[in-house]
Amino acid sequence: MKLMSDSGFPLPPPTFEFLVFSLKTQAEMQLGLFQFGEPSEEPPNLPAARHAIDLLAMIAEKTRGNLALEEQRLIENSLTELRFRFVQVAEQKSTDAEKPAKKSVEPGDAPASS
């Protein structure tokens, strides 16, 4: 029996790999690494990204010693990549916050004198 979503598309089987990819994708979306359609003006949501990463880390801890080698590699590699990207996005966000806001110049405005 295939499970169907409300939209009529078949749902993937509930596997460990799917769970890891779901949480990884959720974290990447919160970090602003995915763009759908128009570029979003929404800044990265670091607390939500950290929560998804922490959930994945908790699953890694709770399943330690009970995973196949491929599953262990998948979760460890996902965590390593997400943590690296989290630091990159956090540093970029902090760098952007330190930059002075660009002041728009209107035609006819006198240049600032020093």
PDB file of N, CA and C in Angstrom:
ATOM      1  N   MET A   1       0.833  -1.178   0.000  1.00  0.00           N
ATOM      2  CA  MET A   1       0.000   0.000   0.000  1.00  0.00           C
ATOM      3  C   MET A   1       0.884   1.249   0.000  1.00  0.00           C
ATOM      4  N   LYS A   2       0.653   2.125  -0.977  1.00  0.00           N
ATOM      5  CA  LYS A   2       1.414   3.370  -1.061  1.00  0.00           C
ATOM      6  C   LYS A   2       0.659   4.467  -0.340  1.00  0.00           C
ATOM      7  N   LEU A   3       1.391   5.230   0.461  1.00  0.00           N
ATOM      8  CA  LEU A   3       0.798   6.387   1.114  1.00  0.00           C
ATOM      9  C   LEU A   3       0.853   7.559   0.158  1.00  0.00           C
ATOM     10  N   MET A   4      -0.231   8.326   0.133  1.00  0.00           N
ATOM     11  CA  MET A   4      -0.301   9.475  -0.756  1.00  0.00           C
ATOM     12  C   MET A   4      -0.440  10.746   0.071  1.00  0.00           C
ATOM     13  N   SER A   5       0.170  11.801  -0.426  1.00  0.00           N
ATOM     14  CA  SER A   5       0.003  13.095   0.224  1.00  0.00           C
ATOM     15  C   SER A   5      -1.333  13.673  -0.233  1.00  0.00           C
ATOM     16  N   ASP A   6      -1.736  14.779   0.369  1.00  0.00           N
ATOM     17  CA  ASP A   6      -2.982  15.433  -0.029  1.00  0.00           C
ATOM     18  C   ASP A   6      -2.957  15.846  -1.487  1.00  0.00           C
ATOM     19  N   SER A   7      -1.767  16.131  -2.024  1.00  0.00           N
ATOM     20  CA  SER A   7      -1.652  16.569  -3.415  1.00  0.00           C
ATOM     21  C   SER A   7      -1.644  15.395  -4.394  1.00  0.00           C
ATOM     22  N   GLY A   8      -1.693  14.165  -3.886  1.00  0.00           N
ATOM     23  CA  GLY A   8      -1.748  13.002  -4.766  1.00  0.00           C
ATOM     24  C   GLY A   8      -0.400  12.401  -5.096  1.00  0.00           C
ATOM     25  N   PHE A   9       0.685  12.995  -4.609  1.00  0.00           N
ATOM     26  CA  PHE A   9       2.006  12.447  -4.869  1.00  0.00           C
ATOM     27  C   PHE A   9       2.315  11.367  -3.839  1.00  0.00           C
ATOM     28  N   PRO A  10       2.967  10.281  -4.258  1.00  0.00           N
ATOM     29  CA  PRO A  10       3.307   9.237  -3.285  1.00  0.00           C
ATOM     30  C   PRO A  10       4.340   9.754  -2.292  1.00  0.00           C
ATOM     31  N   LEU A  11       4.161   9.386  -1.051  1.00  0.00           N
ATOM     32  CA  LEU A  11       5.113   9.769  -0.011  1.00  0.00           C
ATOM     33  C   LEU A  11       6.262   8.772   0.009  1.00  0.00           C
ATOM     34  N   PRO A  12       7.483   9.248   0.279  1.00  0.00           N
ATOM     35  CA  PRO A  12       8.620   8.327   0.345  1.00  0.00           C
ATOM     36  C   PRO A  12       8.483   7.404   1.553  1.00  0.00           C
ATOM     37  N   PRO A  13       9.119   6.256   1.502  1.00  0.00           N
ATOM     38  CA  PRO A  13       9.060   5.350   2.653  1.00  0.00           C
ATOM     39  C   PRO A  13       9.728   5.993   3.871  1.00  0.00           C
ATOM     40  N   PRO A  14       9.230   5.698   5.063  1.00  0.00           N
ATOM     41  CA  PRO A  14       9.804   6.284   6.277  1.00  0.00           C
ATOM     42  C   PRO A  14      11.101   5.583   6.678  1.00  0.00           C
ATOM     43  N   THR A  15      12.200   6.026   6.094  1.00  0.00           N
ATOM     44  CA  THR A  15      13.504   5.416   6.365  1.00  0.00           C
ATOM     45  C   THR A  15      14.361   6.345   7.223  1.00  0.00           C
ATOM     46  N   PHE A  16      15.400   5.793   7.780  1.00  0.00           N
ATOM     47  CA  PHE A  16      16.356   6.595   8.547  1.00  0.00           C
ATOM     48  C   PHE A  16      16.983   7.664   7.649  1.00  0.00           C
ATOM     49  N   GLU A  17      17.329   7.273   6.422  1.00  0.00           N
ATOM     50  CA  GLU A  17      17.930   8.216   5.478  1.00  0.00           C
ATOM     51  C   GLU A  17      16.994   9.380   5.203  1.00  0.00           C
ATOM     52  N   PHE A  18      15.698   9.086   5.032  1.00  0.00           N
ATOM     53  CA  PHE A  18      14.735  10.149   4.760  1.00  0.00           C
ATOM     54  C   PHE A  18      14.636  11.098   5.954  1.00  0.00           C
ATOM     55  N   LEU A  19      14.672  10.558   7.160  1.00  0.00           N
ATOM     56  CA  LEU A  19      14.628  11.387   8.361  1.00  0.00           C
ATOM     57  C   LEU A  19      15.836  12.326   8.415  1.00  0.00           C
ATOM     58  N   VAL A  20      17.016  11.790   8.152  1.00  0.00           N
ATOM     59  CA  VAL A  20      18.236  12.607   8.169  1.00  0.00           C
ATOM     60  C   VAL A  20      18.156  13.689   7.094  1.00  0.00           C
ATOM     61  N   PHE A  21      17.761  13.311   5.875  1.00  0.00           N
ATOM     62  CA  PHE A  21      17.670  14.299   4.792  1.00  0.00           C
ATOM     63  C   PHE A  21      16.611  15.356   5.085  1.00  0.00           C
ATOM     64  N   SER A  22      15.526  14.972   5.740  1.00  0.00           N
ATOM     65  CA  SER A  22      14.471  15.934   6.085  1.00  0.00           C
ATOM     66  C   SER A  22      14.987  16.981   7.063  1.00  0.00           C
ATOM     67  N   LEU A  23      15.664  16.543   8.108  1.00  0.00           N
ATOM     68  CA  LEU A  23      16.196  17.483   9.088  1.00  0.00           C
ATOM     69  C   LEU A  23      17.327  18.326   8.492  1.00  0.00           C
ATOM     70  N   LYS A  24      18.133  17.720   7.649  1.00  0.00           N
ATOM     71  CA  LYS A  24      19.219  18.457   6.998  1.00  0.00           C
ATOM     72  C   LYS A  24      18.644  19.547   6.095  1.00  0.00           C
ATOM     73  N   THR A  25      17.623  19.195   5.326  1.00  0.00           N
ATOM     74  CA  THR A  25      16.988  20.163   4.436  1.00  0.00           C
ATOM     75  C   THR A  25      16.339  21.288   5.228  1.00  0.00           C
ATOM     76  N   GLN A  26      15.692  20.938   6.329  1.00  0.00           N
ATOM     77  CA  GLN A  26      15.071  21.945   7.184  1.00  0.00           C
ATOM     78  C   GLN A  26      16.128  22.940   7.687  1.00  0.00           C
ATOM     79  N   ALA A  27      17.258  22.450   8.142  1.00  0.00           N
ATOM     80  CA  ALA A  27      18.330  23.325   8.629  1.00  0.00           C
ATOM     81  C   ALA A  27      18.864  24.199   7.490  1.00  0.00           C
ATOM     82  N   GLU A  28      19.065  23.609   6.315  1.00  0.00           N
ATOM     83  CA  GLU A  28      19.584  24.370   5.173  1.00  0.00           C
ATOM     84  C   GLU A  28      18.606  25.470   4.756  1.00  0.00           C
ATOM     85  N   MET A  29      17.315  25.185   4.821  1.00  0.00           N
ATOM     86  CA  MET A  29      16.321  26.204   4.483  1.00  0.00           C
ATOM     87  C   MET A  29      16.377  27.348   5.488  1.00  0.00           C
ATOM     88  N   GLN A  30      16.503  27.037   6.775  1.00  0.00           N
ATOM     89  CA  GLN A  30      16.569  28.070   7.806  1.00  0.00           C
ATOM     90  C   GLN A  30      17.855  28.900   7.693  1.00  0.00           C
ATOM     91  N   LEU A  31      18.895  28.291   7.158  1.00  0.00           N
ATOM     92  CA  LEU A  31      20.152  29.006   6.941  1.00  0.00           C
ATOM     93  C   LEU A  31      20.118  29.857   5.673  1.00  0.00           C
ATOM     94  N   GLY A  32      19.049  29.736   4.900  1.00  0.00           N
ATOM     95  CA  GLY A  32      18.927  30.519   3.673  1.00  0.00           C
ATOM     96  C   GLY A  32      19.725  29.959   2.516  1.00  0.00           C
ATOM     97  N   LEU A  33      20.016  28.653   2.553  1.00  0.00           N
ATOM     98  CA  LEU A  33      20.828  28.041   1.500  1.00  0.00           C
ATOM     99  C   LEU A  33      20.005  27.590   0.306  1.00  0.00           C
ATOM    100  N   PHE A  34      18.672  27.570   0.456  1.00  0.00           N
ATOM    101  CA  PHE A  34      17.780  27.206  -0.644  1.00  0.00           C
ATOM    102  C   PHE A  34      16.986  28.422  -1.051  1.00  0.00           C
ATOM    103  N   GLN A  35      16.864  28.651  -2.340  1.00  0.00           N
ATOM    104  CA  GLN A  35      16.031  29.733  -2.853  1.00  0.00           C
ATOM    105  C   GLN A  35      14.979  29.127  -3.768  1.00  0.00           C
ATOM    106  N   PHE A  36      13.733  29.425  -3.503  1.00  0.00           N
ATOM    107  CA  PHE A  36      12.641  28.966  -4.345  1.00  0.00           C
ATOM    108  C   PHE A  36      12.019  30.184  -5.003  1.00  0.00           C
ATOM    109  N   GLY A  37      12.073  30.235  -6.333  1.00  0.00           N
ATOM    110  CA  GLY A  37      11.469  31.367  -7.034  1.00  0.00           C
ATOM    111  C   GLY A  37      12.268  32.636  -6.811  1.00  0.00           C
ATOM    112  N   GLU A  38      11.561  33.690  -6.416  1.00  0.00           N
ATOM    113  CA  GLU A  38      12.185  34.991  -6.191  1.00  0.00           C
ATOM    114  C   GLU A  38      13.142  34.924  -4.997  1.00  0.00           C
ATOM    115  N   PRO A  39      14.275  35.632  -5.085  1.00  0.00           N
ATOM    116  CA  PRO A  39      15.180  35.678  -3.936  1.00  0.00           C
ATOM    117  C   PRO A  39      14.450  36.249  -2.719  1.00  0.00           C
ATOM    118  N   SER A  40      14.670  35.636  -1.585  1.00  0.00           N
ATOM    119  CA  SER A  40      13.988  36.039  -0.356  1.00  0.00           C
ATOM    120  C   SER A  40      14.759  37.147   0.342  1.00  0.00           C
ATOM    121  N   GLU A  41      14.019  38.096   0.876  1.00  0.00           N
ATOM    122  CA  GLU A  41      14.618  39.149   1.692  1.00  0.00           C
ATOM    123  C   GLU A  41      14.697  38.701   3.144  1.00  0.00           C
ATOM    124  N   GLU A  42      14.151  37.523   3.412  1.00  0.00           N
ATOM    125  CA  GLU A  42      14.115  36.961   4.759  1.00  0.00           C
ATOM    126  C   GLU A  42      15.537  36.601   5.197  1.00  0.00           C
ATOM    127  N   PRO A  43      15.991  37.120   6.335  1.00  0.00           N
ATOM    128  CA  PRO A  43      17.332  36.759   6.805  1.00  0.00           C
ATOM    129  C   PRO A  43      17.345  35.323   7.334  1.00  0.00           C
ATOM    130  N   PRO A  44      18.527  34.710   7.415  1.00  0.00           N
ATOM    131  CA  PRO A  44      18.607  33.358   7.965  1.00  0.00           C
ATOM    132  C   PRO A  44      18.048  33.321   9.392  1.00  0.00           C
ATOM    133  N   ASN A  45      17.394  32.226   9.731  1.00  0.00           N
ATOM    134  CA  ASN A  45      16.844  32.042  11.069  1.00  0.00           C
ATOM    135  C   ASN A  45      17.785  31.103  11.815  1.00  0.00           C
ATOM    136  N   LEU A  46      18.799  31.682  12.436  1.00  0.00           N
ATOM    137  CA  LEU A  46      19.836  30.877  13.083  1.00  0.00           C
ATOM    138  C   LEU A  46      19.309  30.028  14.242  1.00  0.00           C
ATOM    139  N   PRO A  47      18.412  30.538  15.093  1.00  0.00           N
ATOM    140  CA  PRO A  47      17.893  29.672  16.161  1.00  0.00           C
ATOM    141  C   PRO A  47      17.140  28.453  15.619  1.00  0.00           C
ATOM    142  N   ALA A  48      16.341  28.628  14.574  1.00  0.00           N
ATOM    143  CA  ALA A  48      15.610  27.494  13.986  1.00  0.00           C
ATOM    144  C   ALA A  48      16.580  26.520  13.323  1.00  0.00           C
ATOM    145  N   ALA A  49      17.622  27.039  12.671  1.00  0.00           N
ATOM    146  CA  ALA A  49      18.634  26.173  12.052  1.00  0.00           C
ATOM    147  C   ALA A  49      19.373  25.381  13.128  1.00  0.00           C
ATOM    148  N   ARG A  50      19.736  26.055  14.216  1.00  0.00           N
ATOM    149  CA  ARG A  50      20.440  25.380  15.312  1.00  0.00           C
ATOM    150  C   ARG A  50      19.563  24.284  15.903  1.00  0.00           C
ATOM    151  N   HIS A  51      18.251  24.538  16.006  1.00  0.00           N
ATOM    152  CA  HIS A  51      17.328  23.546  16.554  1.00  0.00           C
ATOM    153  C   HIS A  51      17.310  22.283  15.678  1.00  0.00           C
ATOM    154  N   ALA A  52      17.228  22.449  14.365  1.00  0.00           N
ATOM    155  CA  ALA A  52      17.225  21.299  13.451  1.00  0.00           C
ATOM    156  C   ALA A  52      18.547  20.538  13.546  1.00  0.00           C
ATOM    157  N   ILE A  53      19.661  21.263  13.644  1.00  0.00           N
ATOM    158  CA  ILE A  53      20.983  20.622  13.778  1.00  0.00           C
ATOM    159  C   ILE A  53      21.071  19.880  15.108  1.00  0.00           C
ATOM    160  N   ASP A  54      20.555  20.491  16.169  1.00  0.00           N
ATOM    161  CA  ASP A  54      20.570  19.838  17.479  1.00  0.00           C
ATOM    162  C   ASP A  54      19.696  18.588  17.501  1.00  0.00           C
ATOM    163  N   LEU A  55      18.574  18.620  16.786  1.00  0.00           N
ATOM    164  CA  LEU A  55      17.726  17.424  16.683  1.00  0.00           C
ATOM    165  C   LEU A  55      18.487  16.291  16.004  1.00  0.00           C
ATOM    166  N   LEU A  56      19.182  16.626  14.932  1.00  0.00           N
ATOM    167  CA  LEU A  56      19.964  15.626  14.217  1.00  0.00           C
ATOM    168  C   LEU A  56      21.086  15.083  15.112  1.00  0.00           C
ATOM    169  N   ALA A  57      21.723  15.956  15.888  1.00  0.00           N
ATOM    170  CA  ALA A  57      22.782  15.526  16.802  1.00  0.00           C
ATOM    171  C   ALA A  57      22.220  14.617  17.895  1.00  0.00           C
ATOM    172  N   MET A  58      21.017  14.923  18.382  1.00  0.00           N
ATOM    173  CA  MET A  58      20.381  14.087  19.401  1.00  0.00           C
ATOM    174  C   MET A  58      20.082  12.701  18.834  1.00  0.00           C
ATOM    175  N   ILE A  59      19.605  12.647  17.594  1.00  0.00           N
ATOM    176  CA  ILE A  59      19.330  11.355  16.960  1.00  0.00           C
ATOM    177  C   ILE A  59      20.631  10.571  16.796  1.00  0.00           C
ATOM    178  N   ALA A  60      21.709  11.248  16.411  1.00  0.00           N
ATOM    179  CA  ALA A  60      23.012  10.584  16.264  1.00  0.00           C
ATOM    180  C   ALA A  60      23.450   9.992  17.601  1.00  0.00           C
ATOM    181  N   GLU A  61      23.268  10.762  18.674  1.00  0.00           N
ATOM    182  CA  GLU A  61      23.666  10.292  20.003  1.00  0.00           C
ATOM    183  C   GLU A  61      22.813   9.103  20.440  1.00  0.00           C
ATOM    184  N   LYS A  62      21.505   9.193  20.264  1.00  0.00           N
ATOM    185  CA  LYS A  62      20.591   8.145  20.729  1.00  0.00           C
ATOM    186  C   LYS A  62      20.697   6.854  19.913  1.00  0.00           C
ATOM    187  N   THR A  63      21.181   6.962  18.673  1.00  0.00           N
ATOM    188  CA  THR A  63      21.277   5.772  17.826  1.00  0.00           C
ATOM    189  C   THR A  63      22.702   5.222  17.740  1.00  0.00           C
ATOM    190  N   ARG A  64      23.643   5.851  18.455  1.00  0.00           N
ATOM    191  CA  ARG A  64      25.045   5.423  18.408  1.00  0.00           C
ATOM    192  C   ARG A  64      25.145   3.930  18.734  1.00  0.00           C
ATOM    193  N   GLY A  65      25.842   3.191  17.869  1.00  0.00           N
ATOM    194  CA  GLY A  65      26.024   1.760  18.062  1.00  0.00           C
ATOM    195  C   GLY A  65      24.903   0.910  17.479  1.00  0.00           C
ATOM    196  N   ASN A  66      23.843   1.552  16.995  1.00  0.00           N
ATOM    197  CA  ASN A  66      22.707   0.811  16.430  1.00  0.00           C
ATOM    198  C   ASN A  66      22.500   1.076  14.941  1.00  0.00           C
ATOM    199  N   LEU A  67      23.445   1.739  14.303  1.00  0.00           N
ATOM    200  CA  LEU A  67      23.292   2.095  12.897  1.00  0.00           C
ATOM    201  C   LEU A  67      24.220   1.275  12.014  1.00  0.00           C
ATOM    202  N   ALA A  68      23.772   1.066  10.795  1.00  0.00           N
ATOM    203  CA  ALA A  68      24.653   0.471   9.782  1.00  0.00           C
ATOM    204  C   ALA A  68      25.739   1.493   9.466  1.00  0.00           C
ATOM    205  N   LEU A  69      26.854   1.045   8.945  1.00  0.00           N
ATOM    206  CA  LEU A  69      27.977   1.932   8.641  1.00  0.00           C
ATOM    207  C   LEU A  69      27.542   3.089   7.739  1.00  0.00           C
ATOM    208  N   GLU A  70      26.736   2.806   6.710  1.00  0.00           N
ATOM    209  CA  GLU A  70      26.279   3.843   5.778  1.00  0.00           C
ATOM    210  C   GLU A  70      25.423   4.883   6.497  1.00  0.00           C
ATOM    211  N   GLU A  71      24.556   4.420   7.416  1.00  0.00           N
ATOM    212  CA  GLU A  71      23.703   5.336   8.171  1.00  0.00           C
ATOM    213  C   GLU A  71      24.545   6.212   9.100  1.00  0.00           C
ATOM    214  N   GLN A  72      25.538   5.611   9.741  1.00  0.00           N
ATOM    215  CA  GLN A  72      26.425   6.362  10.638  1.00  0.00           C
ATOM    216  C   GLN A  72      27.182   7.436   9.863  1.00  0.00           C
ATOM    217  N   ARG A  73      27.699   7.082   8.703  1.00  0.00           N
ATOM    218  CA  ARG A  73      28.416   8.053   7.868  1.00  0.00           C
ATOM    219  C   ARG A  73      27.488   9.170   7.420  1.00  0.00           C
ATOM    220  N   LEU A  74      26.265   8.809   7.027  1.00  0.00           N
ATOM    221  CA  LEU A  74      25.301   9.801   6.558  1.00  0.00           C
ATOM    222  C   LEU A  74      25.023  10.843   7.631  1.00  0.00           C
ATOM    223  N   ILE A  75      24.731  10.402   8.834  1.00  0.00           N
ATOM    224  CA  ILE A  75      24.385  11.360   9.888  1.00  0.00           C
ATOM    225  C   ILE A  75      25.600  12.169  10.327  1.00  0.00           C
ATOM    226  N   GLU A  76      26.762  11.539  10.427  1.00  0.00           N
ATOM    227  CA  GLU A  76      27.971  12.266  10.819  1.00  0.00           C
ATOM    228  C   GLU A  76      28.374  13.287   9.759  1.00  0.00           C
ATOM    229  N   ASN A  77      28.338  12.898   8.488  1.00  0.00           N
ATOM    230  CA  ASN A  77      28.685  13.829   7.410  1.00  0.00           C
ATOM    231  C   ASN A  77      27.688  14.979   7.330  1.00  0.00           C
ATOM    232  N   SER A  78      26.410  14.672   7.530  1.00  0.00           N
ATOM    233  CA  SER A  78      25.381  15.715   7.506  1.00  0.00           C
ATOM    234  C   SER A  78      25.623  16.724   8.627  1.00  0.00           C
ATOM    235  N   LEU A  79      25.910  16.226   9.827  1.00  0.00           N
ATOM    236  CA  LEU A  79      26.172  17.120  10.960  1.00  0.00           C
ATOM    237  C   LEU A  79      27.415  17.974  10.727  1.00  0.00           C
ATOM    238  N   THR A  80      28.471  17.373  10.211  1.00  0.00           N
ATOM    239  CA  THR A  80      29.703  18.124   9.947  1.00  0.00           C
ATOM    240  C   THR A  80      29.429  19.250   8.952  1.00  0.00           C
ATOM    241  N   GLU A  81      28.742  18.920   7.860  1.00  0.00           N
ATOM    242  CA  GLU A  81      28.441  19.923   6.835  1.00  0.00           C
ATOM    243  C   GLU A  81      27.539  21.029   7.386  1.00  0.00           C
ATOM    244  N   LEU A  82      26.491  20.648   8.117  1.00  0.00           N
ATOM    245  CA  LEU A  82      25.560  21.642   8.651  1.00  0.00           C
ATOM    246  C   LEU A  82      26.238  22.558   9.667  1.00  0.00           C
ATOM    247  N   ARG A  83      27.067  22.010  10.499  1.00  0.00           N
ATOM    248  CA  ARG A  83      27.765  22.841  11.486  1.00  0.00           C
ATOM    249  C   ARG A  83      28.708  23.823  10.804  1.00  0.00           C
ATOM    250  N   PHE A  84      29.401  23.369   9.772  1.00  0.00           N
ATOM    251  CA  PHE A  84      30.292  24.242   9.008  1.00  0.00           C
ATOM    252  C   PHE A  84      29.496  25.367   8.355  1.00  0.00           C
ATOM    253  N   ARG A  85      28.387  25.007   7.713  1.00  0.00           N
ATOM    254  CA  ARG A  85      27.570  26.020   7.044  1.00  0.00           C
ATOM    255  C   ARG A  85      26.930  26.979   8.036  1.00  0.00           C
ATOM    256  N   PHE A  86      26.540  26.477   9.209  1.00  0.00           N
ATOM    257  CA  PHE A  86      25.977  27.333  10.241  1.00  0.00           C
ATOM    258  C   PHE A  86      26.978  28.424  10.625  1.00  0.00           C
ATOM    259  N   VAL A  87      28.237  28.017  10.852  1.00  0.00           N
ATOM    260  CA  VAL A  87      29.275  28.979  11.218  1.00  0.00           C
ATOM    261  C   VAL A  87      29.479  29.991  10.091  1.00  0.00           C
ATOM    262  N   GLN A  88      29.506  29.529   8.842  1.00  0.00           N
ATOM    263  CA  GLN A  88      29.667  30.436   7.704  1.00  0.00           C
ATOM    264  C   GLN A  88      28.544  31.473   7.663  1.00  0.00           C
ATOM    265  N   VAL A  89      27.301  31.018   7.783  1.00  0.00           N
ATOM    266  CA  VAL A  89      26.151  31.922   7.706  1.00  0.00           C
ATOM    267  C   VAL A  89      26.148  32.878   8.898  1.00  0.00           C
ATOM    268  N   ALA A  90      26.461  32.376  10.084  1.00  0.00           N
ATOM    269  CA  ALA A  90      26.501  33.230  11.275  1.00  0.00           C
ATOM    270  C   ALA A  90      27.570  34.305  11.128  1.00  0.00           C
ATOM    271  N   GLU A  91      28.743  33.942  10.619  1.00  0.00           N
ATOM    272  CA  GLU A  91      29.808  34.922  10.419  1.00  0.00           C
ATOM    273  C   GLU A  91      29.405  35.947   9.366  1.00  0.00           C
ATOM    274  N   GLN A  92      28.779  35.493   8.292  1.00  0.00           N
ATOM    275  CA  GLN A  92      28.323  36.403   7.236  1.00  0.00           C
ATOM    276  C   GLN A  92      27.271  37.367   7.782  1.00  0.00           C
ATOM    277  N   LYS A  93      26.354  36.838   8.585  1.00  0.00           N
ATOM    278  CA  LYS A  93      25.302  37.675   9.173  1.00  0.00           C
ATOM    279  C   LYS A  93      25.915  38.719  10.093  1.00  0.00           C
ATOM    280  N   SER A  94      26.924  38.334  10.865  1.00  0.00           N
ATOM    281  CA  SER A  94      27.560  39.275  11.778  1.00  0.00           C
ATOM    282  C   SER A  94      28.371  40.312  10.995  1.00  0.00           C
ATOM    283  N   THR A  95      29.006  39.903   9.909  1.00  0.00           N
ATOM    284  CA  THR A  95      29.752  40.840   9.063  1.00  0.00           C
ATOM    285  C   THR A  95      28.795  41.836   8.418  1.00  0.00           C
ATOM    286  N   ASP A  96      27.667  41.344   7.931  1.00  0.00           N
ATOM    287  CA  ASP A  96      26.672  42.216   7.304  1.00  0.00           C
ATOM    288  C   ASP A  96      26.104  43.211   8.313  1.00  0.00           C
ATOM    289  N   ALA A  97      25.939  42.789   9.549  1.00  0.00           N
ATOM    290  CA  ALA A  97      25.383  43.664  10.587  1.00  0.00           C
ATOM    291  C   ALA A  97      26.355  44.777  10.946  1.00  0.00           C
ATOM    292  N   GLU A  98      27.657  44.515  10.783  1.00  0.00           N
ATOM    293  CA  GLU A  98      28.671  45.520  11.130  1.00  0.00           C
ATOM    294  C   GLU A  98      28.848  46.571  10.046  1.00  0.00           C
ATOM    295  N   LYS A  99      28.443  46.258   8.803  1.00  0.00           N
ATOM    296  CA  LYS A  99      28.599  47.206   7.699  1.00  0.00           C
ATOM    297  C   LYS A  99      27.623  48.358   7.895  1.00  0.00           C
ATOM    298  N   PRO A 100      28.080  49.585   7.647  1.00  0.00           N
ATOM    299  CA  PRO A 100      27.141  50.703   7.739  1.00  0.00           C
ATOM    300  C   PRO A 100      26.116  50.596   6.608  1.00  0.00           C
ATOM    301  N   ALA A 101      24.899  51.017   6.897  1.00  0.00           N
ATOM    302  CA  ALA A 101      23.841  50.964   5.891  1.00  0.00           C
ATOM    303  C   ALA A 101      24.196  51.921   4.762  1.00  0.00           C
ATOM    304  N   LYS A 102      23.964  51.471   3.531  1.00  0.00           N
ATOM    305  CA  LYS A 102      24.233  52.329   2.379  1.00  0.00           C
ATOM    306  C   LYS A 102      23.188  53.430   2.331  1.00  0.00           C
ATOM    307  N   LYS A 103      23.670  54.634   2.140  1.00  0.00           N
ATOM    308  CA  LYS A 103      22.783  55.777   2.060  1.00  0.00           C
ATOM    309  C   LYS A 103      22.527  56.042   0.586  1.00  0.00           C
ATOM    310  N   SER A 104      21.258  56.120   0.230  1.00  0.00           N
ATOM    311  CA  SER A 104      20.957  56.358  -1.178  1.00  0.00           C
ATOM    312  C   SER A 104      21.157  57.832  -1.486  1.00  0.00           C
ATOM    313  N   VAL A 105      21.672  58.094  -2.667  1.00  0.00           N
ATOM    314  CA  VAL A 105      21.907  59.459  -3.105  1.00  0.00           C
ATOM    315  C   VAL A 105      20.867  59.775  -4.163  1.00  0.00           C
ATOM    316  N   GLU A 106      20.147  60.841  -3.935  1.00  0.00           N
ATOM    317  CA  GLU A 106      19.127  61.279  -4.877  1.00  0.00           C
ATOM    318  C   GLU A 106      19.747  62.292  -5.823  1.00  0.00           C
ATOM    319  N   PRO A 107      19.265  62.322  -7.075  1.00  0.00           N
ATOM    320  CA  PRO A 107      19.760  63.364  -7.998  1.00  0.00           C
ATOM    321  C   PRO A 107      19.506  64.726  -7.386  1.00  0.00           C
ATOM    322  N   GLY A 108      20.481  65.596  -7.465  1.00  0.00           N
ATOM    323  CA  GLY A 108      20.325  66.951  -6.938  1.00  0.00           C
ATOM    324  C   GLY A 108      20.838  67.081  -5.520  1.00  0.00           C
ATOM    325  N   ASP A 109      21.134  65.970  -4.851  1.00  0.00           N
ATOM    326  CA  ASP A 109      21.691  66.052  -3.509  1.00  0.00           C
ATOM    327  C   ASP A 109      23.111  66.590  -3.600  1.00  0.00           C
ATOM    328  N   ALA A 110      23.439  67.466  -2.690  1.00  0.00           N
ATOM    329  CA  ALA A 110      24.796  67.997  -2.674  1.00  0.00           C
ATOM    330  C   ALA A 110      25.731  66.958  -2.056  1.00  0.00           C
ATOM    331  N   PRO A 111      26.916  66.774  -2.630  1.00  0.00           N
ATOM    332  CA  PRO A 111      27.861  65.840  -2.021  1.00  0.00           C
ATOM    333  C   PRO A 111      28.232  66.331  -0.627  1.00  0.00           C
ATOM    334  N   ALA A 112      28.464  65.385   0.262  1.00  0.00           N
ATOM    335  CA  ALA A 112      28.854  65.739   1.624  1.00  0.00           C
ATOM    336  C   ALA A 112      30.238  66.329   1.610  1.00  0.00           C
ATOM    337  N   SER A 113      30.398  67.431   2.350  1.00  0.00           N
ATOM    338  CA  SER A 113      31.728  68.043   2.407  1.00  0.00           C
ATOM    339  C   SER A 113      32.457  67.555   3.636  1.00  0.00           C
ATOM    340  N   SER A 114      33.766  67.395   3.491  1.00  0.00           N
ATOM    341  CA  SER A 114      34.550  66.907   4.615  1.00  0.00           C
ATOM    342  C   SER A 114      35.201  68.034   5.314  1.00  0.00           C
TER     343      SER A 114
END
